[in-house]
């Protein structure tokens, strides 16, 4: 599995294409491996970097963001996330 993850690390744009293709073609092992590689890549990255990569806009209010951060801090402390 490590070899597969190293392959996916090379180009995140290709990785997203693989996810879409594996999903459309119903190739479950490729879909799972590419999603796992994406999740691994996202670990520890700031929200802003992930939003920029996926071209996502932030539609949360500052209050909603604060509430989500507090909830996630509690889950992380309990090791549920």
PDB file of N, CA and C in Angstrom:
ATOM      1  N   UNK A   1       0.830  -1.200   0.000  1.00  0.00           N
ATOM      2  CA  UNK A   1       0.000   0.000   0.000  1.00  0.00           C
ATOM      3  C   UNK A   1       0.867   1.252   0.000  1.00  0.00           C
ATOM      4  N   UNK A   2       2.022   1.216   0.665  1.00  0.00           N
ATOM      5  CA  UNK A   2       2.898   2.393   0.720  1.00  0.00           C
ATOM      6  C   UNK A   2       3.299   2.818  -0.683  1.00  0.00           C
ATOM      7  N   UNK A   3       3.620   1.875  -1.556  1.00  0.00           N
ATOM      8  CA  UNK A   3       3.984   2.204  -2.930  1.00  0.00           C
ATOM      9  C   UNK A   3       2.876   2.946  -3.641  1.00  0.00           C
ATOM     10  N   UNK A   4       1.645   2.520  -3.421  1.00  0.00           N
ATOM     11  CA  UNK A   4       0.495   3.182  -4.042  1.00  0.00           C
ATOM     12  C   UNK A   4       0.390   4.621  -3.552  1.00  0.00           C
ATOM     13  N   UNK A   5       0.544   4.816  -2.235  1.00  0.00           N
ATOM     14  CA  UNK A   5       0.426   6.162  -1.682  1.00  0.00           C
ATOM     15  C   UNK A   5       1.533   7.057  -2.197  1.00  0.00           C
ATOM     16  N   UNK A   6       2.745   6.532  -2.358  1.00  0.00           N
ATOM     17  CA  UNK A   6       3.843   7.334  -2.896  1.00  0.00           C
ATOM     18  C   UNK A   6       3.545   7.771  -4.321  1.00  0.00           C
ATOM     19  N   UNK A   7       2.940   6.890  -5.119  1.00  0.00           N
ATOM     20  CA  UNK A   7       2.560   7.253  -6.481  1.00  0.00           C
ATOM     21  C   UNK A   7       1.595   8.430  -6.472  1.00  0.00           C
ATOM     22  N   UNK A   8       0.617   8.388  -5.591  1.00  0.00           N
ATOM     23  CA  UNK A   8      -0.407   9.429  -5.557  1.00  0.00           C
ATOM     24  C   UNK A   8       0.122  10.765  -5.055  1.00  0.00           C
ATOM     25  N   UNK A   9       1.206  10.752  -4.277  1.00  0.00           N
ATOM     26  CA  UNK A   9       1.751  11.999  -3.729  1.00  0.00           C
ATOM     27  C   UNK A   9       2.305  12.916  -4.815  1.00  0.00           C
ATOM     28  N   UNK A  10       2.603  12.383  -5.970  1.00  0.00           N
ATOM     29  CA  UNK A  10       3.317  13.156  -6.982  1.00  0.00           C
ATOM     30  C   UNK A  10       2.515  14.311  -7.558  1.00  0.00           C
ATOM     31  N   UNK A  11       1.236  14.118  -7.768  1.00  0.00           N
ATOM     32  CA  UNK A  11       0.454  15.158  -8.415  1.00  0.00           C
ATOM     33  C   UNK A  11      -0.986  15.088  -7.931  1.00  0.00           C
ATOM     34  N   UNK A  12      -1.368  16.062  -7.117  1.00  0.00           N
ATOM     35  CA  UNK A  12      -2.716  16.053  -6.554  1.00  0.00           C
ATOM     36  C   UNK A  12      -3.796  16.241  -7.626  1.00  0.00           C
ATOM     37  N   UNK A  13      -3.483  16.958  -8.696  1.00  0.00           N
ATOM     38  CA  UNK A  13      -4.448  17.126  -9.779  1.00  0.00           C
ATOM     39  C   UNK A  13      -4.761  15.800 -10.450  1.00  0.00           C
ATOM     40  N   UNK A  14      -3.735  14.991 -10.685  1.00  0.00           N
ATOM     41  CA  UNK A  14      -3.929  13.664 -11.255  1.00  0.00           C
ATOM     42  C   UNK A  14      -4.730  12.805 -10.285  1.00  0.00           C
ATOM     43  N   UNK A  15      -4.449  12.962  -9.011  1.00  0.00           N
ATOM     44  CA  UNK A  15      -5.153  12.189  -7.992  1.00  0.00           C
ATOM     45  C   UNK A  15      -6.658  12.452  -8.037  1.00  0.00           C
ATOM     46  N   UNK A  16      -7.041  13.699  -8.169  1.00  0.00           N
ATOM     47  CA  UNK A  16      -8.469  14.032  -8.239  1.00  0.00           C
ATOM     48  C   UNK A  16      -9.087  13.411  -9.492  1.00  0.00           C
ATOM     49  N   UNK A  17      -8.360  13.441 -10.599  1.00  0.00           N
ATOM     50  CA  UNK A  17      -8.836  12.793 -11.818  1.00  0.00           C
ATOM     51  C   UNK A  17      -9.025  11.297 -11.624  1.00  0.00           C
ATOM     52  N   UNK A  18      -8.084  10.667 -10.900  1.00  0.00           N
ATOM     53  CA  UNK A  18      -8.204   9.234 -10.619  1.00  0.00           C
ATOM     54  C   UNK A  18      -9.418   8.927  -9.753  1.00  0.00           C
ATOM     55  N   UNK A  19      -9.672   9.773  -8.784  1.00  0.00           N
ATOM     56  CA  UNK A  19     -10.853   9.586  -7.933  1.00  0.00           C
ATOM     57  C   UNK A  19     -12.110   9.626  -8.782  1.00  0.00           C
ATOM     58  N   UNK A  20     -12.212  10.633  -9.632  1.00  0.00           N
ATOM     59  CA  UNK A  20     -13.401  10.767 -10.485  1.00  0.00           C
ATOM     60  C   UNK A  20     -13.541   9.590 -11.440  1.00  0.00           C
ATOM     61  N   UNK A  21     -12.443   9.193 -12.067  1.00  0.00           N
ATOM     62  CA  UNK A  21     -12.493   8.077 -13.011  1.00  0.00           C
ATOM     63  C   UNK A  21     -12.846   6.771 -12.303  1.00  0.00           C
ATOM     64  N   UNK A  22     -12.210   6.505 -11.167  1.00  0.00           N
ATOM     65  CA  UNK A  22     -12.492   5.274 -10.431  1.00  0.00           C
ATOM     66  C   UNK A  22     -13.941   5.228  -9.972  1.00  0.00           C
ATOM     67  N   UNK A  23     -14.460   6.362  -9.576  1.00  0.00           N
ATOM     68  CA  UNK A  23     -15.857   6.432  -9.159  1.00  0.00           C
ATOM     69  C   UNK A  23     -16.784   6.176 -10.350  1.00  0.00           C
ATOM     70  N   UNK A  24     -16.530   6.861 -11.462  1.00  0.00           N
ATOM     71  CA  UNK A  24     -17.386   6.698 -12.652  1.00  0.00           C
ATOM     72  C   UNK A  24     -17.339   5.274 -13.187  1.00  0.00           C
ATOM     73  N   UNK A  25     -16.149   4.661 -13.148  1.00  0.00           N
ATOM     74  CA  UNK A  25     -15.983   3.308 -13.688  1.00  0.00           C
ATOM     75  C   UNK A  25     -16.238   2.217 -12.648  1.00  0.00           C
ATOM     76  N   UNK A  26     -16.550   2.652 -11.432  1.00  0.00           N
ATOM     77  CA  UNK A  26     -16.849   1.725 -10.335  1.00  0.00           C
ATOM     78  C   UNK A  26     -15.690   0.758 -10.049  1.00  0.00           C
ATOM     79  N   UNK A  27     -14.471   1.317  -9.988  1.00  0.00           N
ATOM     80  CA  UNK A  27     -13.276   0.542  -9.658  1.00  0.00           C
ATOM     81  C   UNK A  27     -12.975   0.805  -8.182  1.00  0.00           C
ATOM     82  N   UNK A  28     -13.591   0.001  -7.326  1.00  0.00           N
ATOM     83  CA  UNK A  28     -13.551   0.243  -5.887  1.00  0.00           C
ATOM     84  C   UNK A  28     -12.131   0.285  -5.302  1.00  0.00           C
ATOM     85  N   UNK A  29     -11.217  -0.647  -5.635  1.00  0.00           N
ATOM     86  CA  UNK A  29      -9.870  -0.571  -5.035  1.00  0.00           C
ATOM     87  C   UNK A  29      -9.135   0.732  -5.389  1.00  0.00           C
ATOM     88  N   UNK A  30      -9.285   1.192  -6.631  1.00  0.00           N
ATOM     89  CA  UNK A  30      -8.631   2.443  -7.032  1.00  0.00           C
ATOM     90  C   UNK A  30      -9.284   3.634  -6.333  1.00  0.00           C
ATOM     91  N   UNK A  31     -10.591   3.617  -6.211  1.00  0.00           N
ATOM     92  CA  UNK A  31     -11.301   4.699  -5.528  1.00  0.00           C
ATOM     93  C   UNK A  31     -10.862   4.779  -4.068  1.00  0.00           C
ATOM     94  N   UNK A  32     -10.816   3.630  -3.407  1.00  0.00           N
ATOM     95  CA  UNK A  32     -10.410   3.612  -1.999  1.00  0.00           C
ATOM     96  C   UNK A  32      -8.962   4.072  -1.820  1.00  0.00           C
ATOM     97  N   UNK A  33      -8.073   3.605  -2.683  1.00  0.00           N
ATOM     98  CA  UNK A  33      -6.659   3.986  -2.567  1.00  0.00           C
ATOM     99  C   UNK A  33      -6.463   5.470  -2.831  1.00  0.00           C
ATOM    100  N   UNK A  34      -7.149   6.006  -3.833  1.00  0.00           N
ATOM    101  CA  UNK A  34      -6.969   7.420  -4.155  1.00  0.00           C
ATOM    102  C   UNK A  34      -7.613   8.317  -3.097  1.00  0.00           C
ATOM    103  N   UNK A  35      -8.742   7.900  -2.541  1.00  0.00           N
ATOM    104  CA  UNK A  35      -9.356   8.683  -1.460  1.00  0.00           C
ATOM    105  C   UNK A  35      -8.478   8.649  -0.211  1.00  0.00           C
ATOM    106  N   UNK A  36      -7.888   7.485   0.066  1.00  0.00           N
ATOM    107  CA  UNK A  36      -6.990   7.375   1.217  1.00  0.00           C
ATOM    108  C   UNK A  36      -5.774   8.277   1.032  1.00  0.00           C
ATOM    109  N   UNK A  37      -5.235   8.315  -0.176  1.00  0.00           N
ATOM    110  CA  UNK A  37      -4.082   9.176  -0.445  1.00  0.00           C
ATOM    111  C   UNK A  37      -4.459  10.641  -0.276  1.00  0.00           C
ATOM    112  N   UNK A  38      -5.651  11.009  -0.709  1.00  0.00           N
ATOM    113  CA  UNK A  38      -6.109  12.396  -0.555  1.00  0.00           C
ATOM    114  C   UNK A  38      -6.263  12.742   0.920  1.00  0.00           C
ATOM    115  N   UNK A  39      -6.859  11.851   1.686  1.00  0.00           N
ATOM    116  CA  UNK A  39      -7.029  12.086   3.120  1.00  0.00           C
ATOM    117  C   UNK A  39      -5.668  12.228   3.798  1.00  0.00           C
ATOM    118  N   UNK A  40      -4.713  11.380   3.408  1.00  0.00           N
ATOM    119  CA  UNK A  40      -3.365  11.442   3.975  1.00  0.00           C
ATOM    120  C   UNK A  40      -2.708  12.783   3.640  1.00  0.00           C
ATOM    121  N   UNK A  41      -2.897  13.241   2.399  1.00  0.00           N
ATOM    122  CA  UNK A  41      -2.324  14.511   1.971  1.00  0.00           C
ATOM    123  C   UNK A  41      -2.922  15.670   2.779  1.00  0.00           C
ATOM    124  N   UNK A  42      -4.217  15.575   3.108  1.00  0.00           N
ATOM    125  CA  UNK A  42      -4.903  16.651   3.813  1.00  0.00           C
ATOM    126  C   UNK A  42      -4.524  16.736   5.291  1.00  0.00           C
ATOM    127  N   UNK A  43      -4.045  15.629   5.868  1.00  0.00           N
ATOM    128  CA  UNK A  43      -3.713  15.610   7.293  1.00  0.00           C
ATOM    129  C   UNK A  43      -2.746  16.729   7.662  1.00  0.00           C
ATOM    130  N   UNK A  44      -3.124  17.490   8.668  1.00  0.00           N
ATOM    131  CA  UNK A  44      -2.249  18.524   9.193  1.00  0.00           C
ATOM    132  C   UNK A  44      -2.199  19.802   8.377  1.00  0.00           C
ATOM    133  N   UNK A  45      -2.882  19.826   7.245  1.00  0.00           N
ATOM    134  CA  UNK A  45      -2.878  21.036   6.418  1.00  0.00           C
ATOM    135  C   UNK A  45      -3.914  22.027   6.955  1.00  0.00           C
ATOM    136  N   UNK A  46      -3.612  23.305   6.879  1.00  0.00           N
ATOM    137  CA  UNK A  46      -4.593  24.296   7.324  1.00  0.00           C
ATOM    138  C   UNK A  46      -5.814  24.310   6.393  1.00  0.00           C
ATOM    139  N   UNK A  47      -6.929  24.659   6.966  1.00  0.00           N
ATOM    140  CA  UNK A  47      -8.189  24.697   6.216  1.00  0.00           C
ATOM    141  C   UNK A  47      -8.060  25.557   4.965  1.00  0.00           C
ATOM    142  N   UNK A  48      -7.375  26.672   5.078  1.00  0.00           N
ATOM    143  CA  UNK A  48      -7.245  27.591   3.950  1.00  0.00           C
ATOM    144  C   UNK A  48      -6.539  26.923   2.767  1.00  0.00           C
ATOM    145  N   UNK A  49      -5.508  26.126   3.044  1.00  0.00           N
ATOM    146  CA  UNK A  49      -4.781  25.449   1.968  1.00  0.00           C
ATOM    147  C   UNK A  49      -5.663  24.412   1.270  1.00  0.00           C
ATOM    148  N   UNK A  50      -6.439  23.693   2.049  1.00  0.00           N
ATOM    149  CA  UNK A  50      -7.343  22.692   1.469  1.00  0.00           C
ATOM    150  C   UNK A  50      -8.425  23.372   0.653  1.00  0.00           C
ATOM    151  N   UNK A  51      -8.975  24.468   1.173  1.00  0.00           N
ATOM    152  CA  UNK A  51      -9.996  25.211   0.407  1.00  0.00           C
ATOM    153  C   UNK A  51      -9.422  25.711  -0.917  1.00  0.00           C
ATOM    154  N   UNK A  52      -8.199  26.236  -0.872  1.00  0.00           N
ATOM    155  CA  UNK A  52      -7.572  26.755  -2.089  1.00  0.00           C
ATOM    156  C   UNK A  52      -7.361  25.633  -3.101  1.00  0.00           C
ATOM    157  N   UNK A  53      -6.853  24.490  -2.644  1.00  0.00           N
ATOM    158  CA  UNK A  53      -6.586  23.378  -3.554  1.00  0.00           C
ATOM    159  C   UNK A  53      -7.858  22.900  -4.244  1.00  0.00           C
ATOM    160  N   UNK A  54      -8.942  22.752  -3.479  1.00  0.00           N
ATOM    161  CA  UNK A  54     -10.195  22.252  -4.031  1.00  0.00           C
ATOM    162  C   UNK A  54     -11.088  23.372  -4.572  1.00  0.00           C
ATOM    163  N   UNK A  55     -10.580  24.605  -4.548  1.00  0.00           N
ATOM    164  CA  UNK A  55     -11.317  25.764  -5.042  1.00  0.00           C
ATOM    165  C   UNK A  55     -12.671  25.907  -4.335  1.00  0.00           C
ATOM    166  N   UNK A  56     -12.626  25.851  -3.008  1.00  0.00           N
ATOM    167  CA  UNK A  56     -13.832  25.951  -2.196  1.00  0.00           C
ATOM    168  C   UNK A  56     -13.920  27.340  -1.575  1.00  0.00           C
ATOM    169  N   UNK A  57     -15.102  27.885  -1.560  1.00  0.00           N
ATOM    170  CA  UNK A  57     -15.303  29.165  -0.890  1.00  0.00           C
ATOM    171  C   UNK A  57     -15.841  28.905   0.509  1.00  0.00           C
ATOM    172  N   UNK A  58     -15.495  29.776   1.422  1.00  0.00           N
ATOM    173  CA  UNK A  58     -15.951  29.658   2.800  1.00  0.00           C
ATOM    174  C   UNK A  58     -17.299  30.349   2.931  1.00  0.00           C
ATOM    175  N   UNK A  59     -18.336  29.560   3.172  1.00  0.00           N
ATOM    176  CA  UNK A  59     -19.662  30.153   3.321  1.00  0.00           C
ATOM    177  C   UNK A  59     -20.128  30.153   4.774  1.00  0.00           C
ATOM    178  N   UNK A  60     -19.199  29.935   5.701  1.00  0.00           N
ATOM    179  CA  UNK A  60     -19.533  29.949   7.120  1.00  0.00           C
ATOM    180  C   UNK A  60     -19.317  31.338   7.701  1.00  0.00           C
ATOM    181  N   UNK A  61     -20.151  31.685   8.656  1.00  0.00           N
ATOM    182  CA  UNK A  61     -19.931  32.932   9.388  1.00  0.00           C
ATOM    183  C   UNK A  61     -18.790  32.698  10.368  1.00  0.00           C
ATOM    184  N   UNK A  62     -18.169  33.773  10.837  1.00  0.00           N
ATOM    185  CA  UNK A  62     -17.109  33.600  11.848  1.00  0.00           C
ATOM    186  C   UNK A  62     -17.611  32.844  13.085  1.00  0.00           C
ATOM    187  N   UNK A  63     -18.859  33.072  13.466  1.00  0.00           N
ATOM    188  CA  UNK A  63     -19.423  32.371  14.620  1.00  0.00           C
ATOM    189  C   UNK A  63     -19.548  30.876  14.340  1.00  0.00           C
ATOM    190  N   UNK A  64     -19.981  30.512  13.141  1.00  0.00           N
ATOM    191  CA  UNK A  64     -20.092  29.094  12.780  1.00  0.00           C
ATOM    192  C   UNK A  64     -18.719  28.423  12.761  1.00  0.00           C
ATOM    193  N   UNK A  65     -17.726  29.130  12.239  1.00  0.00           N
ATOM    194  CA  UNK A  65     -16.361  28.589  12.220  1.00  0.00           C
ATOM    195  C   UNK A  65     -15.856  28.343  13.635  1.00  0.00           C
ATOM    196  N   UNK A  66     -16.068  29.304  14.526  1.00  0.00           N
ATOM    197  CA  UNK A  66     -15.631  29.150  15.915  1.00  0.00           C
ATOM    198  C   UNK A  66     -16.314  27.951  16.569  1.00  0.00           C
ATOM    199  N   UNK A  67     -17.600  27.805  16.321  1.00  0.00           N
ATOM    200  CA  UNK A  67     -18.348  26.687  16.901  1.00  0.00           C
ATOM    201  C   UNK A  67     -17.811  25.342  16.394  1.00  0.00           C
ATOM    202  N   UNK A  68     -17.542  25.251  15.098  1.00  0.00           N
ATOM    203  CA  UNK A  68     -16.995  24.013  14.536  1.00  0.00           C
ATOM    204  C   UNK A  68     -15.608  23.707  15.086  1.00  0.00           C
ATOM    205  N   UNK A  69     -14.792  24.737  15.244  1.00  0.00           N
ATOM    206  CA  UNK A  69     -13.457  24.521  15.805  1.00  0.00           C
ATOM    207  C   UNK A  69     -13.543  23.990  17.230  1.00  0.00           C
ATOM    208  N   UNK A  70     -14.441  24.568  18.027  1.00  0.00           N
ATOM    209  CA  UNK A  70     -14.616  24.095  19.407  1.00  0.00           C
ATOM    210  C   UNK A  70     -15.084  22.635  19.426  1.00  0.00           C
ATOM    211  N   UNK A  71     -16.054  22.297  18.580  1.00  0.00           N
ATOM    212  CA  UNK A  71     -16.555  20.921  18.519  1.00  0.00           C
ATOM    213  C   UNK A  71     -15.452  19.954  18.107  1.00  0.00           C
ATOM    214  N   UNK A  72     -14.663  20.337  17.116  1.00  0.00           N
ATOM    215  CA  UNK A  72     -13.602  19.450  16.643  1.00  0.00           C
ATOM    216  C   UNK A  72     -12.486  19.307  17.664  1.00  0.00           C
ATOM    217  N   UNK A  73     -12.201  20.354  18.412  1.00  0.00           N
ATOM    218  CA  UNK A  73     -11.193  20.259  19.460  1.00  0.00           C
ATOM    219  C   UNK A  73     -11.619  19.227  20.508  1.00  0.00           C
ATOM    220  N   UNK A  74     -12.903  19.223  20.847  1.00  0.00           N
ATOM    221  CA  UNK A  74     -13.400  18.247  21.810  1.00  0.00           C
ATOM    222  C   UNK A  74     -13.282  16.827  21.242  1.00  0.00           C
ATOM    223  N   UNK A  75     -13.630  16.643  19.974  1.00  0.00           N
ATOM    224  CA  UNK A  75     -13.546  15.320  19.364  1.00  0.00           C
ATOM    225  C   UNK A  75     -12.100  14.847  19.262  1.00  0.00           C
ATOM    226  N   UNK A  76     -11.199  15.755  18.908  1.00  0.00           N
ATOM    227  CA  UNK A  76      -9.792  15.390  18.839  1.00  0.00           C
ATOM    228  C   UNK A  76      -9.260  14.982  20.205  1.00  0.00           C
ATOM    229  N   UNK A  77      -9.686  15.692  21.228  1.00  0.00           N
ATOM    230  CA  UNK A  77      -9.257  15.353  22.580  1.00  0.00           C
ATOM    231  C   UNK A  77      -9.769  13.960  22.966  1.00  0.00           C
ATOM    232  N   UNK A  78     -10.928  13.590  22.445  1.00  0.00           N
ATOM    233  CA  UNK A  78     -11.509  12.269  22.732  1.00  0.00           C
ATOM    234  C   UNK A  78     -11.020  11.234  21.711  1.00  0.00           C
ATOM    235  N   UNK A  79     -10.239  11.675  20.713  1.00  0.00           N
ATOM    236  CA  UNK A  79      -9.699  10.811  19.652  1.00  0.00           C
ATOM    237  C   UNK A  79     -10.783  10.166  18.809  1.00  0.00           C
ATOM    238  N   UNK A  80     -11.846  10.927  18.522  1.00  0.00           N
ATOM    239  CA  UNK A  80     -12.916  10.425  17.668  1.00  0.00           C
ATOM    240  C   UNK A  80     -12.768  10.870  16.237  1.00  0.00           C
ATOM    241  N   UNK A  81     -11.892  11.828  15.993  1.00  0.00           N
ATOM    242  CA  UNK A  81     -11.683  12.299  14.609  1.00  0.00           C
ATOM    243  C   UNK A  81     -10.290  11.912  14.186  1.00  0.00           C
TER     244      UNK A  81
END
